[in-house]
Protein backbone atom coordinates (compact mmCIF):
# COMPACT_ATOMS: atom_id res chain seq x y z
CA MET A 1 33.92 21.74 18.94
CA MET A 2 31.89 21.98 15.74
CA LEU A 3 34.87 21.06 13.60
CA VAL A 4 35.75 18.10 15.84
CA SER A 5 32.16 16.83 15.71
CA LYS A 6 32.10 16.99 11.92
CA ILE A 7 35.42 15.15 11.66
CA CYS A 8 34.21 12.46 14.08
CA ALA A 9 30.98 12.10 12.09
CA ALA A 10 32.97 11.71 8.86
CA ILE A 11 35.25 9.02 10.31
CA LEU A 12 32.37 7.13 11.92
CA LEU A 13 30.35 7.29 8.72
CA ALA A 14 33.30 5.91 6.73
CA VAL A 15 33.71 2.94 9.10
CA LEU A 16 29.99 2.14 9.18
CA ARG A 17 29.55 2.42 5.42
CA LEU A 18 32.58 0.25 4.72
CA GLY A 19 31.35 -2.35 7.20
CA ALA A 20 27.88 -2.39 5.66
CA GLY A 21 29.40 -2.69 2.20
CA LEU A 22 31.66 -5.62 3.07
CA LEU A 23 29.12 -7.45 5.25
CA PRO A 24 27.24 -8.90 2.22
CA LEU A 25 30.44 -10.70 1.21
CA LYS A 26 30.35 -12.71 4.43
CA VAL A 27 26.58 -13.12 4.39
CA TYR A 28 26.57 -14.31 0.79
CA GLN A 29 29.29 -16.88 1.52
CA LYS A 30 27.39 -18.15 4.56
CA LEU A 31 24.13 -18.39 2.64
CA ASP A 32 25.78 -20.23 -0.22
CA LYS A 33 27.47 -22.66 2.15
CA TRP A 34 24.26 -23.19 4.11
CA SER A 35 22.27 -23.84 0.93
CA GLN A 36 24.60 -26.72 -0.03
CA ARG A 37 25.45 -28.08 3.39
CA GLY A 38 23.73 -31.00 5.07
CA ASP A 39 24.34 -34.19 7.01
CA LEU A 40 24.21 -37.56 5.34
CA LYS A 41 20.43 -37.75 5.41
CA ALA A 42 19.94 -34.16 4.34
CA ALA A 43 22.15 -34.67 1.29
CA GLU A 44 19.17 -35.87 -0.68
CA LYS A 45 18.08 -33.70 -3.56
CA GLN A 46 14.75 -32.80 -2.01
CA THR A 47 16.33 -31.36 1.14
CA ILE A 48 19.03 -29.49 -0.78
CA ASN A 49 16.44 -28.02 -3.15
CA LYS A 50 14.37 -26.77 -0.22
CA ARG A 51 17.40 -25.06 1.26
CA ARG A 52 18.29 -23.45 -2.03
CA LYS A 53 14.74 -22.18 -2.44
CA ARG A 54 14.94 -20.57 1.00
CA VAL A 55 18.23 -18.92 0.12
CA ASP A 56 16.82 -17.69 -3.20
CA LEU A 57 13.78 -16.25 -1.41
CA PHE A 58 15.99 -14.54 1.17
CA MET A 59 18.11 -13.01 -1.57
CA SER A 60 15.08 -11.91 -3.57
CA VAL A 61 13.50 -10.24 -0.53
CA PHE A 62 16.67 -8.30 0.24
CA LEU A 63 17.25 -7.26 -3.36
CA CYS A 64 13.64 -6.14 -3.78
CA PHE A 65 13.87 -4.25 -0.49
CA GLY A 66 16.95 -2.52 -1.86
CA ALA A 67 15.07 -1.72 -5.07
CA GLY A 68 12.42 -0.02 -2.94
CA LEU A 69 15.10 2.06 -1.24
CA LEU A 70 16.53 3.11 -4.59
CA LEU A 71 13.05 3.87 -5.89
CA SER A 72 12.40 6.19 -2.96
CA THR A 73 15.84 7.76 -3.25
CA CYS A 74 15.15 8.58 -6.89
CA PHE A 75 11.52 9.76 -6.85
CA ILE A 76 11.09 11.16 -3.34
CA HIS A 77 14.55 12.60 -2.76
CA MET A 78 16.67 13.22 -5.85
CA ILE A 79 14.13 14.28 -8.49
CA PRO A 80 12.52 16.89 -6.18
CA GLU A 81 16.02 18.24 -5.51
CA VAL A 82 16.64 18.52 -9.24
CA ARG A 83 13.39 20.46 -9.65
CA ASP A 84 14.32 22.67 -6.70
CA SER A 85 17.68 23.49 -8.28
CA PHE A 86 16.08 24.48 -11.57
CA ASP A 87 13.44 26.56 -9.75
CA LYS A 88 16.17 28.53 -8.01
CA VAL A 89 17.98 29.10 -11.30
CA ILE A 90 14.76 30.21 -13.02
CA LYS A 91 14.00 32.65 -10.19
CA SER A 92 17.45 34.17 -10.63
CA GLY A 93 16.41 35.28 -14.12
CA GLN A 94 19.73 34.34 -15.76
CA TYR A 95 18.37 31.35 -17.68
CA PRO A 96 14.83 32.27 -18.86
CA ALA A 97 14.83 29.48 -21.46
CA LEU A 98 14.57 26.92 -18.65
CA GLU A 99 10.92 27.91 -18.16
CA GLN A 100 9.96 26.76 -21.65
CA PHE A 101 10.57 23.04 -21.17
CA PRO A 102 10.51 20.47 -18.30
CA PHE A 103 14.30 20.19 -18.21
CA PRO A 104 14.57 18.42 -14.80
CA GLU A 105 12.55 15.42 -15.99
CA ALA A 106 14.31 15.44 -19.37
CA ILE A 107 17.73 15.32 -17.71
CA VAL A 108 16.65 12.36 -15.56
CA VAL A 109 15.53 10.50 -18.69
CA LEU A 110 18.75 11.43 -20.48
CA GLY A 111 20.67 9.99 -17.54
CA PHE A 112 18.65 6.80 -17.92
CA PHE A 113 19.44 6.55 -21.64
CA ALA A 114 23.09 7.44 -21.07
CA VAL A 115 23.51 4.49 -18.73
CA TYR A 116 21.57 2.25 -21.09
CA LEU A 117 23.86 3.27 -23.96
CA PHE A 118 26.98 2.88 -21.83
CA GLU A 119 26.07 -0.68 -20.88
CA GLU A 120 25.18 -1.65 -24.44
CA LEU A 121 28.46 -0.23 -25.72
CA GLY A 122 30.32 -2.15 -23.04
CA GLU A 123 28.69 -5.40 -24.04
CA LEU A 124 29.34 -4.63 -27.70
CA LEU A 125 33.03 -4.12 -27.01
CA MET A 126 33.12 -7.48 -25.27
CA GLY A 127 31.71 -9.11 -28.37
CA HIS A 128 28.58 -10.03 -26.48
CA GLY A 129 26.34 -9.74 -29.51
CA GLU A 130 28.58 -11.93 -31.65
CA LYS A 131 28.72 -14.63 -29.01
CA LYS A 132 24.94 -14.67 -28.78
CA LYS A 133 24.69 -15.21 -32.54
CA LYS A 134 27.15 -18.09 -32.36
CA LYS A 135 25.23 -19.70 -29.53
CA LYS A 136 21.95 -19.39 -31.44
CA LYS A 137 23.50 -20.97 -34.52
CA ALA A 138 24.92 -23.74 -32.37
CA ASN A 139 21.55 -24.44 -30.77
CA ALA A 140 19.89 -24.49 -34.19
CA ALA A 141 22.47 -26.97 -35.45
CA GLY A 142 22.06 -29.14 -32.37
CA SER A 143 25.66 -28.82 -31.19
CA PRO A 144 27.72 -26.33 -29.20
CA THR A 145 30.41 -24.18 -30.81
CA VAL A 146 34.00 -23.30 -30.04
CA ASN A 147 35.60 -20.47 -32.01
CA GLY A 148 32.59 -20.44 -34.31
CA GLN A 149 32.93 -24.16 -35.24
CA SER A 150 31.24 -27.25 -33.92
CA PRO A 151 33.57 -29.37 -31.77
CA VAL A 152 31.16 -32.32 -31.83
CA LYS A 153 30.90 -34.45 -34.94
CA MET A 154 28.17 -37.06 -34.79
CA VAL A 155 28.79 -40.13 -36.96
CA THR A 156 26.27 -42.94 -37.20
CA SER A 157 26.92 -46.47 -38.33
CA ASP A 158 24.87 -49.62 -38.42
CA SER A 159 27.94 -51.81 -38.63
CA GLU A 160 29.22 -53.35 -35.41
CA ASP A 161 32.75 -53.32 -36.84
CA ASP A 162 32.67 -49.60 -37.57
CA ARG A 163 31.95 -48.50 -34.02
CA HIS A 164 35.65 -48.32 -33.12
CA LYS A 165 36.04 -45.68 -35.85
CA LEU A 166 33.67 -43.19 -34.23
CA THR A 167 35.06 -40.10 -32.56
CA ILE A 168 32.52 -38.18 -30.54
CA ILE A 169 33.78 -35.24 -28.54
CA THR A 170 31.48 -33.82 -25.91
CA VAL A 171 32.05 -30.45 -24.32
CA PRO A 172 30.16 -29.52 -21.14
CA LYS A 173 28.13 -26.36 -21.51
CA GLU A 174 30.08 -24.56 -18.82
CA ASP A 175 33.37 -25.39 -20.55
CA ILE A 176 32.46 -24.04 -23.97
CA GLY A 177 34.89 -21.28 -24.78
CA THR A 178 37.12 -21.92 -21.77
CA ARG A 179 39.42 -24.57 -23.19
CA ARG A 180 40.73 -25.74 -26.52
CA VAL A 181 39.15 -28.81 -28.02
CA THR A 182 41.04 -31.61 -29.76
CA GLU A 183 39.90 -34.76 -31.44
CA GLU A 184 41.87 -37.94 -31.08
CA GLY A 185 40.82 -40.83 -33.25
CA THR A 186 40.91 -44.47 -32.21
CA ASP A 187 41.12 -45.95 -35.68
CA ASN A 188 44.38 -46.47 -37.56
CA ASP A 189 42.76 -46.16 -40.97
CA SER A 190 44.64 -43.61 -43.07
CA ASP A 191 41.57 -41.65 -44.18
CA ASP A 192 40.12 -41.33 -40.73
CA SER A 193 43.48 -40.60 -39.18
CA SER A 194 44.17 -37.78 -41.60
CA HIS A 195 40.71 -36.38 -41.00
CA HIS A 196 41.14 -36.35 -37.25
CA GLY A 197 44.63 -34.98 -37.52
CA HIS A 198 43.32 -32.10 -39.61
CA ASN A 199 40.67 -31.26 -37.06
CA HIS A 200 43.22 -31.37 -34.29
CA HIS A 201 45.45 -28.99 -36.16
CA GLY A 202 42.57 -26.64 -36.87
CA HIS A 203 41.58 -26.38 -33.23
CA SER A 204 45.13 -26.00 -32.01
CA HIS A 205 45.86 -23.02 -34.24
CA GLY A 206 42.43 -21.34 -34.25
CA PRO A 207 41.60 -18.01 -32.67
CA PRO A 208 41.65 -17.64 -28.88
CA PRO A 209 38.72 -19.22 -27.02
CA ILE A 210 35.79 -16.98 -26.23
CA LEU A 211 34.82 -16.03 -22.68
CA SER A 212 32.70 -18.45 -20.72
CA ASP A 213 29.21 -17.46 -19.62
CA LEU A 214 30.41 -16.93 -16.06
CA GLU A 215 33.26 -14.68 -17.16
CA GLU A 216 30.88 -12.73 -19.40
CA ARG A 217 28.44 -12.19 -16.54
CA SER A 218 31.30 -11.10 -14.30
CA VAL A 219 32.46 -8.43 -16.76
CA ALA A 220 28.90 -7.22 -17.30
CA ALA A 221 28.40 -7.08 -13.53
CA ALA A 222 31.57 -5.01 -13.17
CA ILE A 223 30.27 -2.51 -15.75
CA ARG A 224 26.90 -2.24 -14.04
CA GLY A 225 28.61 -1.95 -10.68
CA PHE A 226 30.74 0.91 -11.96
CA LEU A 227 27.65 2.75 -13.19
CA LEU A 228 25.92 2.22 -9.87
CA VAL A 229 28.94 3.40 -7.88
CA PHE A 230 29.16 6.41 -10.19
CA ALA A 231 25.53 7.35 -9.52
CA LEU A 232 25.57 6.73 -5.78
CA SER A 233 28.84 8.62 -5.41
CA PHE A 234 27.20 11.86 -6.55
CA HIS A 235 24.33 11.38 -4.15
CA SER A 236 26.62 10.38 -1.26
CA ILE A 237 28.87 13.40 -1.77
CA PHE A 238 25.83 15.68 -1.55
CA GLU A 239 24.67 14.05 1.67
CA GLY A 240 28.15 14.27 3.16
CA MET A 241 28.34 17.93 2.24
CA ALA A 242 24.98 18.50 3.93
CA ILE A 243 26.44 17.12 7.18
CA GLY A 244 29.56 19.24 6.82
CA LEU A 245 27.45 22.36 6.34
CA GLN A 246 25.30 21.98 9.47
CA PRO A 247 25.49 25.00 11.82
CA THR A 248 24.83 23.28 15.18
CA LEU A 249 25.84 20.09 16.99
CA LYS A 250 22.21 18.95 17.16
CA ASP A 251 21.80 19.37 13.42
CA ILE A 252 25.06 17.52 12.72
CA TRP A 253 24.18 14.40 14.67
CA PHE A 254 20.51 14.33 13.70
CA LEU A 255 21.36 14.45 10.01
CA PHE A 256 24.20 11.98 10.62
CA ALA A 257 21.73 9.47 12.10
CA ALA A 258 19.26 9.88 9.24
CA VAL A 259 21.94 9.61 6.55
CA THR A 260 23.48 6.59 8.29
CA VAL A 261 20.19 4.63 8.30
CA HIS A 262 19.69 5.49 4.66
CA GLU A 263 23.24 4.78 3.50
CA LEU A 264 23.81 1.55 5.46
CA ALA A 265 20.62 -0.03 4.15
CA ILE A 266 21.48 0.92 0.58
CA MET A 267 25.12 -0.20 0.92
CA PHE A 268 24.08 -3.62 2.21
CA CYS A 269 21.40 -4.17 -0.43
CA ILE A 270 23.62 -2.91 -3.24
CA GLY A 271 26.34 -5.27 -2.04
CA MET A 272 23.97 -8.23 -2.15
CA GLU A 273 22.85 -7.16 -5.62
CA MET A 274 26.42 -6.99 -6.93
CA LEU A 275 27.35 -10.39 -5.48
CA ALA A 276 24.21 -11.94 -6.94
CA SER A 277 25.35 -10.76 -10.38
CA HIS A 278 28.63 -12.75 -10.04
CA ILE A 279 30.97 -9.78 -9.82
CA ARG A 280 34.61 -10.55 -9.03
CA VAL A 281 35.45 -10.23 -5.34
CA GLY A 282 38.41 -7.91 -5.93
CA ILE A 283 36.32 -5.49 -8.00
CA TYR A 284 33.51 -5.70 -5.45
CA ILE A 285 35.82 -4.74 -2.57
CA ALA A 286 37.23 -1.84 -4.60
CA TYR A 287 33.71 -0.54 -5.27
CA MET A 288 32.70 -0.84 -1.62
CA VAL A 289 35.83 0.97 -0.43
CA THR A 290 35.10 3.74 -2.93
CA LEU A 291 31.50 4.10 -1.76
CA GLY A 292 32.57 3.89 1.86
CA LEU A 293 34.90 6.87 1.52
CA ILE A 294 32.74 9.07 -0.70
CA THR A 295 30.37 10.46 1.94
CA PRO A 296 33.18 11.41 4.36
CA ILE A 297 34.82 13.21 1.45
CA GLY A 298 31.56 15.10 1.05
CA VAL A 299 31.69 16.05 4.74
CA ALA A 300 35.21 17.39 4.22
CA ILE A 301 34.06 19.40 1.21
CA GLY A 302 31.21 20.82 3.28
CA ILE A 303 33.63 21.89 6.00
CA PHE A 304 35.95 23.41 3.42
CA VAL A 305 33.36 25.45 1.54
CA THR A 306 31.86 26.88 4.73
CA GLU A 307 35.28 28.30 5.55
CA TYR A 308 36.55 29.53 2.18
CA PHE A 309 33.77 30.16 -0.33
CA GLN A 310 31.02 32.70 -0.84
CA ASP A 311 27.45 32.73 -2.12
CA PRO A 312 26.70 30.17 -4.90
CA THR A 313 26.00 31.43 -8.40
CA PRO A 314 23.07 30.21 -10.54
CA SER A 315 25.61 28.36 -12.69
CA HIS A 316 26.77 26.37 -9.67
CA THR A 317 23.20 25.52 -8.72
CA LEU A 318 22.37 24.49 -12.30
CA THR A 319 25.46 22.26 -12.47
CA ILE A 320 24.49 20.47 -9.27
CA GLY A 321 20.94 20.01 -10.57
CA ILE A 322 22.18 18.46 -13.80
CA LEU A 323 24.51 16.06 -11.96
CA GLN A 324 21.72 15.05 -9.59
CA GLY A 325 19.41 14.45 -12.56
CA VAL A 326 21.92 12.19 -14.29
CA ALA A 327 22.47 10.28 -11.04
CA ALA A 328 18.70 9.85 -10.61
CA GLY A 329 18.43 8.47 -14.15
CA THR A 330 21.16 5.97 -13.37
CA LEU A 331 19.31 4.76 -10.29
CA LEU A 332 16.15 4.41 -12.37
CA TYR A 333 17.97 2.15 -14.81
CA VAL A 334 19.46 -0.02 -12.06
CA THR A 335 16.14 -0.29 -10.22
CA PHE A 336 13.89 -1.16 -13.15
CA LEU A 337 16.10 -2.81 -15.77
CA GLU A 338 18.43 -4.68 -13.45
CA VAL A 339 16.90 -5.59 -10.10
CA LEU A 340 13.14 -5.64 -10.69
CA GLU A 341 13.35 -7.04 -14.22
CA ARG A 342 15.41 -10.01 -13.07
CA GLU A 343 13.26 -10.68 -10.02
CA ARG A 344 10.06 -10.58 -12.06
CA ARG A 345 11.48 -13.20 -14.42
CA LYS A 346 11.80 -15.59 -11.49
CA SER A 347 8.67 -17.62 -10.91
CA GLY A 348 6.93 -17.67 -7.55
CA ASN A 349 6.78 -15.42 -4.47
CA GLY A 350 5.64 -12.46 -6.55
CA LEU A 351 3.56 -10.90 -3.76
CA ILE A 352 6.40 -11.25 -1.25
CA LYS A 353 8.76 -9.48 -3.64
CA LEU A 354 6.21 -6.74 -4.25
CA LEU A 355 5.78 -6.29 -0.50
CA SER A 356 9.56 -6.07 -0.06
CA VAL A 357 9.79 -3.31 -2.67
CA PHE A 358 6.90 -1.48 -1.03
CA VAL A 359 8.39 -1.74 2.48
CA GLY A 360 11.73 -0.39 1.27
CA PHE A 361 10.03 2.48 -0.52
CA VAL A 362 7.80 3.38 2.44
CA LEU A 363 10.65 3.15 4.96
CA LEU A 364 12.89 5.62 3.18
CA SER A 365 9.99 7.84 2.18
CA SER A 366 8.94 8.01 5.83
CA LEU A 367 12.42 9.15 6.82
CA GLU A 368 12.18 11.82 4.14
CA ALA A 369 8.79 12.96 5.43
CA LEU A 370 10.14 13.12 8.99
CA GLY A 371 13.01 15.34 7.88
CA GLY A 372 15.65 12.69 7.29
CA HIS A 373 17.34 14.71 4.55
CA GLY A 374 16.63 18.23 5.57
CA GLU A 375 16.50 19.86 8.99
CA PRO A 376 14.73 23.17 9.54
CA THR A 377 18.10 24.92 9.42
CA THR A 378 19.37 23.51 6.16
CA ASP A 379 18.50 23.25 2.51
CA HIS A 380 20.14 20.09 1.29
CA GLN A 381 20.26 21.01 -2.35
CA THR A 382 21.35 24.63 -1.90
CA GLN A 383 23.92 23.94 0.78
CA THR A 384 25.55 21.18 -1.22
CA THR A 385 26.31 23.65 -3.98
CA VAL A 386 30.03 24.40 -4.13
CA GLY A 387 30.78 27.87 -2.83
CA LEU A 388 28.09 28.21 -0.15
CA SER A 389 29.16 29.66 3.18
CA PHE A 390 26.01 31.42 4.36
CA VAL A 391 23.89 30.00 7.14
CA LEU A 392 20.45 29.96 5.56
CA GLN A 393 17.28 31.02 7.31
CA PRO A 394 14.25 28.76 6.62
CA VAL A 395 11.00 30.03 5.19
CA THR A 396 8.47 27.23 5.70
CA THR A 397 5.65 26.40 3.29
CA PRO A 398 2.97 23.70 3.80
CA ARG A 399 4.76 21.12 1.60
CA TYR A 400 8.38 22.09 1.13
CA THR A 401 10.91 24.22 2.98
CA PHE A 402 12.65 27.01 1.10
CA TYR A 403 15.45 29.19 2.37
CA SER A 404 16.72 32.72 2.16
CA PRO A 405 20.04 34.14 3.41
CA LYS A 406 20.10 35.54 6.90
CA ALA A 407 20.08 39.28 7.08
């Protein structure tokens, strides 16, 4: 009966997580359509702008709410677990050097910098920095650039007869770098014709066009999405393992309910965040499927280790603590340098955004305080360590709950 309940919980969790992850795709499409839709009278700019402002506010509220959830996940849940892991290792006496330095906090910060470095390297490989320089030079010169050269040549003339000799090529901002540019003259004069022919030849045989701004944002969003999926996958596996390691039916379904509330809210908000960053739909679906299946995999691991493995070693506990610390640092980066930084740059509704972050933080922190991630019969961090098969007996303290093996 216990095994069947755990399997049912894993399957149900997979379905719910996948649904919550894919729901933003439909919601985002509906919101976008609603923001641009209107009858003949409502097609005026004023009405459309009001609708778009409402959509922007709705998106900002949800994204800030999600940032609050991530903030709570990092500071109230994951970082204390990292400290708990290191405390257990220190008490074992096998790594005395860990007492000499605040390693848990340092590992979280290293995780933050690792993600920062990874994203910067990704943008560097895309040539992001070079494209920015070209755009700055183009703006300084007063004309856009294609392949490092200006496709617009402004020629002035006071003569009425010379106007037919002018060739002015305009390239929309959104098209810069997405198509090749040619110049076709309208004058049959030999000098002008040869000049235009030369320019045409130069553009036809130049280097490949650079990525458009939208394509660049899409690639950057895919990189950030990968980092976020990477971080949340660690955390989700641990939570799934906690469910798989529960000793009673009551514990299984209580923890399942708490984890579900937590995971579904985060999946939905993360989905809205990814779509707002212009990620490609195919990549988005792949990420959501991955996240949807991760926690059930953790449940399966929890079931497996309770059947086949023995007491965890300090090395196992230390490894889990390090991985959790890196994951926490990743969530810090996403929360502060991605979501909150972008929302703060937007003008207006600052207090509403702040309230949304606060509500998300308080909601998840309240679940944590009520025992959402740890029942009296389980230690989340210890039981998610590979190799644990003991049922642990709680030893309660006023603030935290520690555990010792049953006699």
